[in-house]
Amino acid sequence: MKRSLLLFLTYMVVGLMSTFYAQSVNISYVNPDDLSVCDTALFEITITNNVPDSIRDVTVLADLPSGLSYVLSTVTDASESNVTNLNVPVFAIPDMGSGDEVTITFLAQTDCSLID
């Protein structure tokens, strides 16, 4: 029996950006509309650089809810920086020019033991 789960993606962007830059970077995300136990879903995080300068070494940490794990090697438009904890994968974007927008996508899977 499948149960639908409403999931929320918590995100945090850190890296070598000053406080001024952090205030001028827009972050938005899209959660899947529906996700069932033992299922995978696509998550999206969009980051837009609104400052006149490039930003470097952007790190994106996706703090997934309990029972949800990142599926290795599924990230696009970023690289896996640290995936030792699949509930909190860390992705890297090397450089973002002024006005650049990057949309990171990745798959996450629900734990099948949630059905018990």
Protein backbone atom coordinates (compact mmCIF):
# COMPACT_ATOMS: atom_id res chain seq x y z
CA MET A 1 0.00 0.00 0.00
CA LYS A 2 1.45 3.33 -1.00
CA ARG A 3 1.04 6.43 1.08
CA SER A 4 1.56 9.88 -0.30
CA LEU A 5 4.03 12.05 1.50
CA LEU A 6 4.21 15.79 1.48
CA LEU A 7 7.87 16.70 1.48
CA PHE A 8 9.67 19.89 1.98
CA LEU A 9 13.18 20.64 0.84
CA THR A 10 15.27 22.78 3.07
CA TYR A 11 18.15 24.41 1.41
CA MET A 12 21.08 26.52 2.40
CA VAL A 13 23.65 28.20 0.25
CA VAL A 14 27.08 28.79 1.74
CA GLY A 15 30.52 29.34 0.33
CA LEU A 16 32.90 32.14 -0.36
CA MET A 17 30.32 34.92 -0.57
CA SER A 18 30.17 38.00 1.61
CA THR A 19 27.00 38.93 3.47
CA PHE A 20 26.27 41.48 0.75
CA TYR A 21 26.40 38.79 -1.92
CA ALA A 22 24.29 36.38 0.09
CA GLN A 23 21.55 39.00 0.24
CA SER A 24 21.71 39.41 -3.55
CA VAL A 25 21.39 35.75 -4.50
CA ASN A 26 17.89 34.45 -5.14
CA ILE A 27 17.14 30.84 -4.25
CA SER A 28 13.98 29.01 -5.20
CA TYR A 29 13.07 25.35 -5.17
CA VAL A 30 10.45 22.97 -6.46
CA ASN A 31 9.30 20.00 -4.41
CA PRO A 32 7.61 17.08 -6.15
CA ASP A 33 3.82 17.29 -6.20
CA ASP A 34 3.46 13.75 -4.95
CA LEU A 35 5.82 11.12 -3.61
CA SER A 36 5.00 7.61 -2.45
CA VAL A 37 6.87 5.14 -0.27
CA CYS A 38 9.59 3.26 -2.22
CA ASP A 39 9.45 5.91 -4.94
CA THR A 40 11.87 8.45 -6.39
CA ALA A 41 11.16 12.06 -7.27
CA LEU A 42 12.92 14.96 -8.94
CA PHE A 43 13.88 18.00 -6.86
CA GLU A 44 14.98 21.38 -8.28
CA ILE A 45 16.94 24.22 -6.69
CA THR A 46 17.42 27.41 -8.73
CA ILE A 47 20.08 29.93 -7.74
CA THR A 48 20.32 33.36 -9.41
CA ASN A 49 23.30 35.69 -8.98
CA ASN A 50 21.93 39.26 -8.86
CA VAL A 51 25.18 41.04 -8.01
CA PRO A 52 27.40 42.81 -10.55
CA ASP A 53 30.33 40.48 -9.82
CA SER A 54 30.94 36.77 -10.23
CA ILE A 55 30.66 34.54 -7.20
CA ARG A 56 32.90 31.52 -6.77
CA ASP A 57 32.78 28.20 -5.00
CA VAL A 58 29.05 28.17 -4.30
CA THR A 59 28.03 25.29 -2.06
CA VAL A 60 24.44 24.07 -1.92
CA LEU A 61 23.37 21.87 0.97
CA ALA A 62 20.05 20.04 0.55
CA ASP A 63 18.73 19.00 3.97
CA LEU A 64 16.21 16.29 3.10
CA PRO A 65 13.50 15.17 5.53
CA SER A 66 13.87 11.92 7.46
CA GLY A 67 13.10 8.91 5.28
CA LEU A 68 14.31 10.58 2.09
CA SER A 69 17.79 10.01 0.60
CA TYR A 70 19.70 11.49 -2.32
CA VAL A 71 20.23 9.05 -5.23
CA LEU A 72 23.95 9.07 -6.06
CA SER A 73 25.15 10.55 -9.36
CA THR A 74 21.80 12.09 -10.31
CA VAL A 75 22.65 15.77 -9.81
CA THR A 76 22.72 18.01 -12.89
CA ASP A 77 24.38 21.43 -13.34
CA ALA A 78 26.47 20.95 -10.19
CA SER A 79 28.91 18.40 -8.86
CA GLU A 80 28.71 16.21 -5.78
CA SER A 81 30.86 17.91 -3.16
CA ASN A 82 30.06 15.70 -0.16
CA VAL A 83 27.58 12.84 -0.31
CA THR A 84 28.72 10.81 2.69
CA ASN A 85 25.34 11.57 4.31
CA LEU A 86 22.65 10.96 1.69
CA ASN A 87 20.08 12.82 3.80
CA VAL A 88 22.18 16.00 3.51
CA PRO A 89 23.94 15.99 0.14
CA VAL A 90 26.25 18.90 -0.61
CA PHE A 91 26.64 20.12 -4.18
CA ALA A 92 29.16 22.56 -5.69
CA ILE A 93 28.88 25.18 -8.41
CA PRO A 94 32.36 26.51 -9.25
CA ASP A 95 31.51 29.97 -10.63
CA MET A 96 28.43 32.07 -11.32
CA GLY A 97 28.75 35.24 -13.38
CA SER A 98 26.63 38.30 -12.79
CA GLY A 99 23.04 37.52 -13.79
CA ASP A 100 23.71 33.77 -14.12
CA GLU A 101 20.99 31.35 -13.12
CA VAL A 102 21.73 27.71 -12.32
CA THR A 103 19.03 25.09 -11.80
CA ILE A 104 20.28 22.04 -9.94
CA THR A 105 18.15 18.93 -10.24
CA PHE A 106 18.56 15.63 -8.43
CA LEU A 107 16.63 12.52 -7.51
CA ALA A 108 15.73 11.48 -3.99
CA GLN A 109 14.19 8.19 -2.89
CA THR A 110 11.90 7.41 0.02
CA ASP A 111 12.86 4.67 2.45
CA CYS A 112 10.81 1.53 1.83
CA SER A 113 10.77 0.79 5.57
CA LEU A 114 8.34 3.72 5.99
CA ILE A 115 5.57 1.36 4.91
CA ASP A 116 5.91 -0.78 8.06
